[in-house]
């Protein structure tokens, strides 16, 4: 009977968790299995692997063939290296103490690499979070500046009037400096005519005053009035 080490899916939709099992090659993926060796959860970061290494090495020595995914998991956990060292011990190439020392050395270096990878991952996450916060802060600052600019009242008109009044003065001064001053030709004064001699008019002789006529006596006037015929 061909035996395989493979993954059996369980869990809910989009939250899959896999069991590492030893099963018959003819059995369905999620069907019956012979023994459970551990579990694999790819949903976490980094992935979570729980595995019984001694049982896995025992099944590998018995001839169980892992699938591609199961083999990568076993290599990641050092099961394939432990199998290789155990084969050397069985053949007498090395002693069990040397095999165990080599495996512990590899395990220590693997732990250091895992720690470094976790640190780098956390640093990347923190850097991404910081960049996101900086971008949000810039957007908020730009929005606040736009709102403040919108709510700021316009500048007073007095400043504009002063600027307008000052401009013509500068232009006039510039024009006065640029345009040369043209002096008007001096107008010659006309010669003053000599005064004509004053001719004195002859004195007019006064006419003799007529002597006043003597008044007629009142008696004669009365007689004349009597002699006139009555109308």
C-alpha atoms as a PDB file:
ATOM      1  CA  UNK A   1       0.000   0.000   0.000  1.00  0.00           C
ATOM      2  CA  UNK A   2       1.413   3.378  -1.066  1.00  0.00           C
ATOM      3  CA  UNK A   3       1.439   5.858   1.829  1.00  0.00           C
ATOM      4  CA  UNK A   4       1.697   9.633   1.452  1.00  0.00           C
ATOM      5  CA  UNK A   5       2.243  12.528   3.780  1.00  0.00           C
ATOM      6  CA  UNK A   6      -0.089  15.264   2.637  1.00  0.00           C
ATOM      7  CA  UNK A   7      -2.435  18.040   3.703  1.00  0.00           C
ATOM      8  CA  UNK A   8      -6.107  17.592   4.593  1.00  0.00           C
ATOM      9  CA  UNK A   9      -8.188  20.755   4.399  1.00  0.00           C
ATOM     10  CA  UNK A  10     -10.458  21.900   7.176  1.00  0.00           C
ATOM     11  CA  UNK A  11     -11.803  25.211   8.376  1.00  0.00           C
ATOM     12  CA  UNK A  12     -14.320  27.610   6.868  1.00  0.00           C
ATOM     13  CA  UNK A  13     -14.433  29.456   3.572  1.00  0.00           C
ATOM     14  CA  UNK A  14     -11.449  31.787   2.991  1.00  0.00           C
ATOM     15  CA  UNK A  15     -10.122  30.728   6.427  1.00  0.00           C
ATOM     16  CA  UNK A  16      -8.621  27.375   5.558  1.00  0.00           C
ATOM     17  CA  UNK A  17      -6.497  25.356   7.992  1.00  0.00           C
ATOM     18  CA  UNK A  18      -4.721  22.160   6.947  1.00  0.00           C
ATOM     19  CA  UNK A  19      -3.847  19.010   8.859  1.00  0.00           C
ATOM     20  CA  UNK A  20      -0.584  17.208   8.057  1.00  0.00           C
ATOM     21  CA  UNK A  21      -1.614  13.572   7.862  1.00  0.00           C
ATOM     22  CA  UNK A  22      -0.348  10.185   6.740  1.00  0.00           C
ATOM     23  CA  UNK A  23      -2.934   8.613   4.469  1.00  0.00           C
ATOM     24  CA  UNK A  24      -3.400   6.038   1.755  1.00  0.00           C
ATOM     25  CA  UNK A  25      -2.563   7.419  -1.693  1.00  0.00           C
ATOM     26  CA  UNK A  26      -5.926   6.135  -2.991  1.00  0.00           C
ATOM     27  CA  UNK A  27      -7.958   7.910  -0.280  1.00  0.00           C
ATOM     28  CA  UNK A  28      -9.587  11.282  -1.095  1.00  0.00           C
ATOM     29  CA  UNK A  29      -7.943  14.451   0.099  1.00  0.00           C
ATOM     30  CA  UNK A  30     -10.278  15.094   3.009  1.00  0.00           C
ATOM     31  CA  UNK A  31     -11.089  11.421   3.568  1.00  0.00           C
ATOM     32  CA  UNK A  32      -9.778   8.874   6.003  1.00  0.00           C
ATOM     33  CA  UNK A  33      -6.151   9.054   7.130  1.00  0.00           C
ATOM     34  CA  UNK A  34      -3.828   6.795   9.083  1.00  0.00           C
ATOM     35  CA  UNK A  35      -2.198   9.256  11.479  1.00  0.00           C
ATOM     36  CA  UNK A  36      -2.134  12.989  12.083  1.00  0.00           C
ATOM     37  CA  UNK A  37       1.334  14.561  12.320  1.00  0.00           C
ATOM     38  CA  UNK A  38       0.484  18.214  12.851  1.00  0.00           C
ATOM     39  CA  UNK A  39      -1.275  21.290  11.409  1.00  0.00           C
ATOM     40  CA  UNK A  40      -0.498  24.135   9.061  1.00  0.00           C
ATOM     41  CA  UNK A  41      -2.196  27.550   9.150  1.00  0.00           C
ATOM     42  CA  UNK A  42      -1.271  29.849   6.210  1.00  0.00           C
ATOM     43  CA  UNK A  43      -3.602  32.617   7.397  1.00  0.00           C
ATOM     44  CA  UNK A  44      -1.141  33.987   9.947  1.00  0.00           C
ATOM     45  CA  UNK A  45       1.967  36.045   9.179  1.00  0.00           C
ATOM     46  CA  UNK A  46       4.316  34.198   9.334  1.00  0.00           C
ATOM     47  CA  UNK A  47       2.559  30.910   8.819  1.00  0.00           C
ATOM     48  CA  UNK A  48       1.960  28.715  11.855  1.00  0.00           C
ATOM     49  CA  UNK A  49       3.252  25.147  11.708  1.00  0.00           C
ATOM     50  CA  UNK A  50       2.783  22.530  14.435  1.00  0.00           C
ATOM     51  CA  UNK A  51       4.555  19.268  13.646  1.00  0.00           C
ATOM     52  CA  UNK A  52       5.736  16.130  15.473  1.00  0.00           C
ATOM     53  CA  UNK A  53       9.180  15.750  13.903  1.00  0.00           C
ATOM     54  CA  UNK A  54      10.007  12.291  15.332  1.00  0.00           C
ATOM     55  CA  UNK A  55       6.839  10.724  13.941  1.00  0.00           C
ATOM     56  CA  UNK A  56       7.400  12.389  10.581  1.00  0.00           C
ATOM     57  CA  UNK A  57      11.009  11.065  10.399  1.00  0.00           C
ATOM     58  CA  UNK A  58       9.769   7.581  11.337  1.00  0.00           C
ATOM     59  CA  UNK A  59       7.210   7.571   8.526  1.00  0.00           C
ATOM     60  CA  UNK A  60       9.763   8.868   6.055  1.00  0.00           C
ATOM     61  CA  UNK A  61      12.152   6.067   7.009  1.00  0.00           C
ATOM     62  CA  UNK A  62       9.296   3.594   6.473  1.00  0.00           C
ATOM     63  CA  UNK A  63       8.905   4.808   2.898  1.00  0.00           C
ATOM     64  CA  UNK A  64       6.095   7.387   3.058  1.00  0.00           C
ATOM     65  CA  UNK A  65       6.306   9.880   0.176  1.00  0.00           C
ATOM     66  CA  UNK A  66       5.426  13.496   0.934  1.00  0.00           C
ATOM     67  CA  UNK A  67       3.602  15.691  -1.566  1.00  0.00           C
ATOM     68  CA  UNK A  68       5.303  18.859  -2.839  1.00  0.00           C
ATOM     69  CA  UNK A  69       3.609  21.133  -0.308  1.00  0.00           C
ATOM     70  CA  UNK A  70       4.153  18.689   2.535  1.00  0.00           C
ATOM     71  CA  UNK A  71       7.817  18.280   1.552  1.00  0.00           C
ATOM     72  CA  UNK A  72       8.432  22.064   1.668  1.00  0.00           C
ATOM     73  CA  UNK A  73       6.865  22.163   5.140  1.00  0.00           C
ATOM     74  CA  UNK A  74       9.034  19.243   6.325  1.00  0.00           C
ATOM     75  CA  UNK A  75      12.174  20.935   4.955  1.00  0.00           C
ATOM     76  CA  UNK A  76      11.229  24.165   6.687  1.00  0.00           C
ATOM     77  CA  UNK A  77      10.950  22.307  10.010  1.00  0.00           C
ATOM     78  CA  UNK A  78      14.197  20.333   9.507  1.00  0.00           C
ATOM     79  CA  UNK A  79      12.524  16.944   9.206  1.00  0.00           C
ATOM     80  CA  UNK A  80      14.267  16.120   5.921  1.00  0.00           C
ATOM     81  CA  UNK A  81      17.684  17.001   7.429  1.00  0.00           C
ATOM     82  CA  UNK A  82      16.951  14.870  10.477  1.00  0.00           C
ATOM     83  CA  UNK A  83      16.016  11.956   8.212  1.00  0.00           C
ATOM     84  CA  UNK A  84      19.287  12.373   6.273  1.00  0.00           C
ATOM     85  CA  UNK A  85      21.337  12.374   9.506  1.00  0.00           C
ATOM     86  CA  UNK A  86      19.438   9.357  10.819  1.00  0.00           C
ATOM     87  CA  UNK A  87      20.216   7.426   7.639  1.00  0.00           C
ATOM     88  CA  UNK A  88      23.918   8.214   8.216  1.00  0.00           C
ATOM     89  CA  UNK A  89      23.644   6.930  11.780  1.00  0.00           C
ATOM     90  CA  UNK A  90      21.929   3.721  10.595  1.00  0.00           C
ATOM     91  CA  UNK A  91      24.720   3.157   8.047  1.00  0.00           C
ATOM     92  CA  UNK A  92      27.386   3.865  10.679  1.00  0.00           C
ATOM     93  CA  UNK A  93      28.801   6.925   8.938  1.00  0.00           C
ATOM     94  CA  UNK A  94      28.282   9.107  12.026  1.00  0.00           C
ATOM     95  CA  UNK A  95      27.306   8.585  15.601  1.00  0.00           C
ATOM     96  CA  UNK A  96      23.987   9.558  17.124  1.00  0.00           C
ATOM     97  CA  UNK A  97      25.653  12.302  19.210  1.00  0.00           C
ATOM     98  CA  UNK A  98      27.169  13.908  16.109  1.00  0.00           C
ATOM     99  CA  UNK A  99      23.830  13.733  14.307  1.00  0.00           C
ATOM    100  CA  UNK A 100      22.033  15.333  17.256  1.00  0.00           C
ATOM    101  CA  UNK A 101      24.716  18.060  17.562  1.00  0.00           C
ATOM    102  CA  UNK A 102      24.428  18.925  13.881  1.00  0.00           C
ATOM    103  CA  UNK A 103      20.661  19.045  14.088  1.00  0.00           C
ATOM    104  CA  UNK A 104      20.757  21.318  17.149  1.00  0.00           C
ATOM    105  CA  UNK A 105      23.235  23.615  15.382  1.00  0.00           C
ATOM    106  CA  UNK A 106      20.955  23.881  12.372  1.00  0.00           C
ATOM    107  CA  UNK A 107      17.965  24.442  14.631  1.00  0.00           C
ATOM    108  CA  UNK A 108      19.726  27.326  16.410  1.00  0.00           C
ATOM    109  CA  UNK A 109      20.620  29.032  13.133  1.00  0.00           C
ATOM    110  CA  UNK A 110      17.061  28.478  11.927  1.00  0.00           C
ATOM    111  CA  UNK A 111      15.718  30.168  15.058  1.00  0.00           C
ATOM    112  CA  UNK A 112      17.982  33.153  14.482  1.00  0.00           C
ATOM    113  CA  UNK A 113      16.793  33.410  10.895  1.00  0.00           C
ATOM    114  CA  UNK A 114      13.177  33.242  12.033  1.00  0.00           C
ATOM    115  CA  UNK A 115      13.801  36.010  14.551  1.00  0.00           C
ATOM    116  CA  UNK A 116      15.507  38.173  11.930  1.00  0.00           C
ATOM    117  CA  UNK A 117      12.685  37.575   9.479  1.00  0.00           C
ATOM    118  CA  UNK A 118      10.088  38.461  12.122  1.00  0.00           C
ATOM    119  CA  UNK A 119      11.982  41.648  13.018  1.00  0.00           C
ATOM    120  CA  UNK A 120      12.298  42.686   9.392  1.00  0.00           C
ATOM    121  CA  UNK A 121       8.607  41.959   8.870  1.00  0.00           C
ATOM    122  CA  UNK A 122       7.639  44.049  11.893  1.00  0.00           C
ATOM    123  CA  UNK A 123       9.904  46.862  10.690  1.00  0.00           C
ATOM    124  CA  UNK A 124       8.277  46.769   7.279  1.00  0.00           C
ATOM    125  CA  UNK A 125       4.843  46.876   8.856  1.00  0.00           C
ATOM    126  CA  UNK A 126       5.812  49.809  11.071  1.00  0.00           C
ATOM    127  CA  UNK A 127       7.349  51.663   8.122  1.00  0.00           C
ATOM    128  CA  UNK A 128       4.207  51.106   6.048  1.00  0.00           C
ATOM    129  CA  UNK A 129       2.035  52.268   8.942  1.00  0.00           C
ATOM    130  CA  UNK A 130       4.174  55.375   9.452  1.00  0.00           C
ATOM    131  CA  UNK A 131       4.078  56.208   5.740  1.00  0.00           C
ATOM    132  CA  UNK A 132       0.308  55.841   5.766  1.00  0.00           C
ATOM    133  CA  UNK A 133      -0.004  58.137   8.794  1.00  0.00           C
ATOM    134  CA  UNK A 134       2.290  60.714   7.181  1.00  0.00           C
ATOM    135  CA  UNK A 135       0.208  60.691   4.020  1.00  0.00           C
ATOM    136  CA  UNK A 136      -2.996  61.139   6.029  1.00  0.00           C
ATOM    137  CA  UNK A 137      -1.396  63.968   8.025  1.00  0.00           C
ATOM    138  CA  UNK A 138      -0.361  65.765   4.831  1.00  0.00           C
ATOM    139  CA  UNK A 139      -3.877  65.446   3.440  1.00  0.00           C
ATOM    140  CA  UNK A 140      -5.379  66.781   6.673  1.00  0.00           C
ATOM    141  CA  UNK A 141      -2.937  69.713   6.768  1.00  0.00           C
ATOM    142  CA  UNK A 142      -3.700  70.617   3.160  1.00  0.00           C
ATOM    143  CA  UNK A 143      -7.425  70.432   3.870  1.00  0.00           C
ATOM    144  CA  UNK A 144      -7.114  72.596   6.993  1.00  0.00           C
ATOM    145  CA  UNK A 145      -5.037  75.153   5.091  1.00  0.00           C
ATOM    146  CA  UNK A 146      -7.630  75.314   2.320  1.00  0.00           C
ATOM    147  CA  UNK A 147     -10.440  75.806   4.855  1.00  0.00           C
ATOM    148  CA  UNK A 148      -8.494  78.523   6.691  1.00  0.00           C
ATOM    149  CA  UNK A 149      -7.753  80.286   3.419  1.00  0.00           C
ATOM    150  CA  UNK A 150     -11.408  80.128   2.472  1.00  0.00           C
ATOM    151  CA  UNK A 151     -12.573  81.551   5.817  1.00  0.00           C
ATOM    152  CA  UNK A 152      -9.978  84.338   5.922  1.00  0.00           C
ATOM    153  CA  UNK A 153     -11.628  87.755   5.202  1.00  0.00           C
ATOM    154  CA  UNK A 154     -10.298  89.743   2.253  1.00  0.00           C
ATOM    155  CA  UNK A 155      -7.628  92.355   2.816  1.00  0.00           C
ATOM    156  CA  UNK A 156      -8.872  95.928   3.538  1.00  0.00           C
ATOM    157  CA  UNK A 157      -9.297  98.225   0.549  1.00  0.00           C
ATOM    158  CA  UNK A 158      -7.172 100.994   2.115  1.00  0.00           C
ATOM    159  CA  UNK A 159      -4.017  99.166   1.256  1.00  0.00           C
ATOM    160  CA  UNK A 160      -5.089  98.885  -2.353  1.00  0.00           C
ATOM    161  CA  UNK A 161      -5.930 102.611  -2.542  1.00  0.00           C
ATOM    162  CA  UNK A 162      -2.543 103.549  -1.165  1.00  0.00           C
ATOM    163  CA  UNK A 163      -0.888 101.383  -3.737  1.00  0.00           C
ATOM    164  CA  UNK A 164      -2.957 102.947  -6.492  1.00  0.00           C
ATOM    165  CA  UNK A 165      -2.196 106.475  -5.271  1.00  0.00           C
ATOM    166  CA  UNK A 166       1.506 105.849  -5.043  1.00  0.00           C
ATOM    167  CA  UNK A 167       1.763 104.451  -8.546  1.00  0.00           C
ATOM    168  CA  UNK A 168       0.973 107.659 -10.495  1.00  0.00           C
ATOM    169  CA  UNK A 169       3.428 109.658  -8.399  1.00  0.00           C
ATOM    170  CA  UNK A 170       6.210 107.273  -9.311  1.00  0.00           C
ATOM    171  CA  UNK A 171       5.170 107.365 -12.966  1.00  0.00           C
ATOM    172  CA  UNK A 172       5.074 111.188 -12.966  1.00  0.00           C
ATOM    173  CA  UNK A 173       8.484 111.374 -11.381  1.00  0.00           C
ATOM    174  CA  UNK A 174       9.790 108.926 -13.937  1.00  0.00           C
ATOM    175  CA  UNK A 175       8.275 110.941 -16.766  1.00  0.00           C
ATOM    176  CA  UNK A 176       9.750 114.158 -15.382  1.00  0.00           C
ATOM    177  CA  UNK A 177      13.149 112.544 -15.145  1.00  0.00           C
ATOM    178  CA  UNK A 178      12.922 111.002 -18.602  1.00  0.00           C
ATOM    179  CA  UNK A 179      11.433 113.953 -20.546  1.00  0.00           C
ATOM    180  CA  UNK A 180      13.903 116.829 -21.066  1.00  0.00           C
ATOM    181  CA  UNK A 181      12.744 120.266 -20.013  1.00  0.00           C
ATOM    182  CA  UNK A 182      12.272 122.489 -23.105  1.00  0.00           C
ATOM    183  CA  UNK A 183      12.702 126.149 -22.352  1.00  0.00           C
ATOM    184  CA  UNK A 184      10.349 128.526 -24.202  1.00  0.00           C
ATOM    185  CA  UNK A 185      12.152 131.177 -26.304  1.00  0.00           C
ATOM    186  CA  UNK A 186      12.256 134.561 -24.705  1.00  0.00           C
ATOM    187  CA  UNK A 187       9.672 136.936 -26.176  1.00  0.00           C
ATOM    188  CA  UNK A 188      11.184 140.292 -27.160  1.00  0.00           C
ATOM    189  CA  UNK A 189       9.415 143.193 -25.661  1.00  0.00           C
ATOM    190  CA  UNK A 190       7.784 145.586 -28.182  1.00  0.00           C
ATOM    191  CA  UNK A 191       9.232 149.092 -28.144  1.00  0.00           C
ATOM    192  CA  UNK A 192       7.108 151.515 -26.238  1.00  0.00           C
ATOM    193  CA  UNK A 193       5.755 154.284 -28.474  1.00  0.00           C
ATOM    194  CA  UNK A 194       6.687 157.791 -27.502  1.00  0.00           C
ATOM    195  CA  UNK A 195       3.948 159.766 -25.886  1.00  0.00           C
ATOM    196  CA  UNK A 196       2.204 162.273 -28.189  1.00  0.00           C
ATOM    197  CA  UNK A 197       2.223 165.884 -27.003  1.00  0.00           C
ATOM    198  CA  UNK A 198      -0.888 166.867 -25.204  1.00  0.00           C
ATOM    199  CA  UNK A 199      -2.780 169.709 -27.086  1.00  0.00           C
ATOM    200  CA  UNK A 200      -4.643 172.004 -24.822  1.00  0.00           C
ATOM    201  CA  UNK A 201      -8.178 172.921 -25.941  1.00  0.00           C
ATOM    202  CA  UNK A 202      -8.920 176.701 -26.167  1.00  0.00           C
ATOM    203  CA  UNK A 203     -10.829 178.126 -23.335  1.00  0.00           C
ATOM    204  CA  UNK A 204     -14.513 178.691 -24.113  1.00  0.00           C
ATOM    205  CA  UNK A 205     -15.713 182.172 -23.316  1.00  0.00           C
ATOM    206  CA  UNK A 206     -18.671 182.347 -21.090  1.00  0.00           C
ATOM    207  CA  UNK A 207     -21.849 183.805 -22.627  1.00  0.00           C
ATOM    208  CA  UNK A 208     -23.155 186.959 -20.942  1.00  0.00           C
ATOM    209  CA  UNK A 209     -25.936 186.287 -18.586  1.00  0.00           C
ATOM    210  CA  UNK A 210     -29.166 187.988 -19.704  1.00  0.00           C
ATOM    211  CA  UNK A 211     -30.516 190.440 -17.293  1.00  0.00           C
ATOM    212  CA  UNK A 212     -33.724 189.530 -15.667  1.00  0.00           C
ATOM    213  CA  UNK A 213     -36.788 191.345 -17.042  1.00  0.00           C
ATOM    214  CA  UNK A 214     -38.626 193.455 -14.550  1.00  0.00           C
ATOM    215  CA  UNK A 215     -41.916 192.163 -13.402  1.00  0.00           C
ATOM    216  CA  UNK A 216     -45.035 193.915 -14.727  1.00  0.00           C
ATOM    217  CA  UNK A 217     -47.214 195.498 -12.195  1.00  0.00           C
ATOM    218  CA  UNK A 218     -50.147 193.519 -10.988  1.00  0.00           C
ATOM    219  CA  UNK A 219     -52.590 196.334 -11.865  1.00  0.00           C
ATOM    220  CA  UNK A 220     -51.814 196.154 -15.548  1.00  0.00           C
ATOM    221  CA  UNK A 221     -52.442 192.392 -15.546  1.00  0.00           C
ATOM    222  CA  UNK A 222     -55.808 192.919 -13.940  1.00  0.00           C
ATOM    223  CA  UNK A 223     -56.836 195.533 -16.516  1.00  0.00           C
ATOM    224  CA  UNK A 224     -55.871 193.343 -19.361  1.00  0.00           C
ATOM    225  CA  UNK A 225     -57.980 190.586 -17.959  1.00  0.00           C
ATOM    226  CA  UNK A 226     -60.955 192.874 -17.758  1.00  0.00           C
ATOM    227  CA  UNK A 227     -60.570 194.170 -21.324  1.00  0.00           C
ATOM    228  CA  UNK A 228     -60.591 190.666 -22.844  1.00  0.00           C
ATOM    229  CA  UNK A 229     -64.029 189.769 -24.098  1.00  0.00           C
ATOM    230  CA  UNK A 230     -65.775 187.065 -22.357  1.00  0.00           C
ATOM    231  CA  UNK A 231     -66.247 183.993 -24.365  1.00  0.00           C
END
